[in-house]
Amino acid sequence: MYGIANMVLFLIIINYISALIAVQLLRGDFGNNTYTNFGEVYNSFLSIYQVFSSENWSDILYGAAITEIPLGQTVIVLIFVTAWFLFGNCEALF
């Protein structure tokens, strides 16, 4: 029971830290008319959760590619790859 609680807390903390980083990197670039903007921490938390779960993460990627032509898609892809390799494959470690 404690292992599951620790894992959930760890994933929430990692998601929150990634959301804070995304807010600092992409704040104000998406505009207010999109659902997955990074202007507020709450919306950023939901967007990063969407990227971590790999469910429709390409919508966020294309939104970042439109607003941040040289850098935005790289940030989103790095967040996705980091999340997938570190947290998607945790069962192999245990």
Protein backbone atom coordinates (compact mmCIF):
# COMPACT_ATOMS: atom_id res chain seq x y z
CA MET A 1 0.00 0.00 0.00
CA TYR A 2 2.79 2.42 0.85
CA GLY A 3 4.55 1.68 -2.43
CA ILE A 4 1.53 2.72 -4.49
CA ALA A 5 1.04 5.88 -2.43
CA ASN A 6 4.72 6.78 -2.82
CA MET A 7 4.58 6.19 -6.57
CA VAL A 8 1.45 8.33 -6.98
CA LEU A 9 2.97 11.13 -4.91
CA PHE A 10 6.19 10.90 -6.91
CA LEU A 11 4.34 11.13 -10.24
CA ILE A 12 2.28 14.10 -9.03
CA ILE A 13 5.41 15.93 -7.90
CA ILE A 14 7.22 15.22 -11.19
CA ASN A 15 4.15 16.36 -13.12
CA TYR A 16 3.95 19.57 -11.06
CA ILE A 17 7.65 20.36 -11.51
CA SER A 18 7.36 19.77 -15.27
CA ALA A 19 4.28 22.01 -15.35
CA LEU A 20 6.21 24.80 -13.62
CA ILE A 21 9.05 24.46 -16.13
CA ALA A 22 6.59 24.51 -19.03
CA VAL A 23 4.90 27.63 -17.63
CA GLN A 24 8.25 29.39 -17.54
CA LEU A 25 9.23 28.30 -21.05
CA LEU A 26 5.92 28.66 -22.90
CA ARG A 27 3.89 31.26 -20.95
CA GLY A 28 1.96 33.64 -23.14
CA ASP A 29 2.97 32.03 -26.41
CA PHE A 30 -0.14 29.92 -27.00
CA GLY A 31 -2.77 32.61 -26.53
CA ASN A 32 -5.97 32.42 -24.53
CA ASN A 33 -8.18 30.82 -27.18
CA THR A 34 -6.61 27.36 -26.85
CA TYR A 35 -7.48 24.89 -24.11
CA THR A 36 -3.94 23.69 -23.58
CA ASN A 37 -2.20 26.97 -22.96
CA PHE A 38 0.61 27.28 -20.46
CA GLY A 39 -0.42 30.63 -18.99
CA GLU A 40 -1.56 29.21 -15.64
CA VAL A 41 -0.15 26.38 -13.56
CA TYR A 42 -3.47 24.49 -13.52
CA ASN A 43 -3.76 24.40 -17.32
CA SER A 44 -0.08 23.57 -17.59
CA PHE A 45 -0.52 20.69 -15.12
CA LEU A 46 -3.35 19.27 -17.23
CA SER A 47 -1.35 19.69 -20.44
CA ILE A 48 1.74 18.01 -18.99
CA TYR A 49 -0.44 15.18 -17.68
CA GLN A 50 -1.78 14.78 -21.21
CA VAL A 51 1.79 14.61 -22.53
CA PHE A 52 2.86 12.11 -19.82
CA SER A 53 -0.12 9.85 -20.50
CA SER A 54 0.63 10.04 -24.27
CA GLU A 55 -3.05 10.55 -25.04
CA ASN A 56 -3.38 13.10 -27.88
CA TRP A 57 -0.04 14.63 -26.99
CA SER A 58 0.50 15.56 -30.61
CA ASP A 59 -2.11 18.33 -30.26
CA ILE A 60 0.13 20.04 -27.72
CA LEU A 61 3.15 19.39 -29.93
CA TYR A 62 1.53 21.01 -32.96
CA GLY A 63 0.31 23.93 -30.86
CA ALA A 64 3.86 24.48 -29.63
CA ALA A 65 5.23 24.09 -33.15
CA ILE A 66 2.96 26.84 -34.44
CA THR A 67 3.84 29.33 -31.69
CA GLU A 68 7.46 28.39 -31.04
CA ILE A 69 8.87 27.47 -34.40
CA PRO A 70 12.52 26.93 -33.40
CA LEU A 71 12.19 25.74 -29.78
CA GLY A 72 8.66 24.80 -28.68
CA GLN A 73 8.31 21.38 -30.23
CA THR A 74 11.72 20.41 -28.89
CA VAL A 75 10.64 21.19 -25.33
CA ILE A 76 7.43 19.16 -25.62
CA VAL A 77 9.21 16.21 -27.25
CA LEU A 78 11.92 16.23 -24.56
CA ILE A 79 9.27 16.25 -21.82
CA PHE A 80 7.47 13.36 -23.50
CA VAL A 81 10.61 11.29 -24.08
CA THR A 82 11.82 11.90 -20.52
CA ALA A 83 8.46 10.93 -19.09
CA TRP A 84 8.20 7.83 -21.21
CA PHE A 85 11.69 6.47 -20.63
CA LEU A 86 11.81 7.26 -16.93
CA PHE A 87 8.26 6.65 -15.76
CA GLY A 88 6.65 4.53 -18.45
CA ASN A 89 9.17 1.78 -17.96
CA CYS A 90 9.30 1.75 -14.15
CA GLU A 91 7.93 -1.77 -13.90
CA ALA A 92 11.20 -3.06 -15.39
CA LEU A 93 13.08 -1.60 -12.44
CA PHE A 94 11.04 -3.36 -9.78
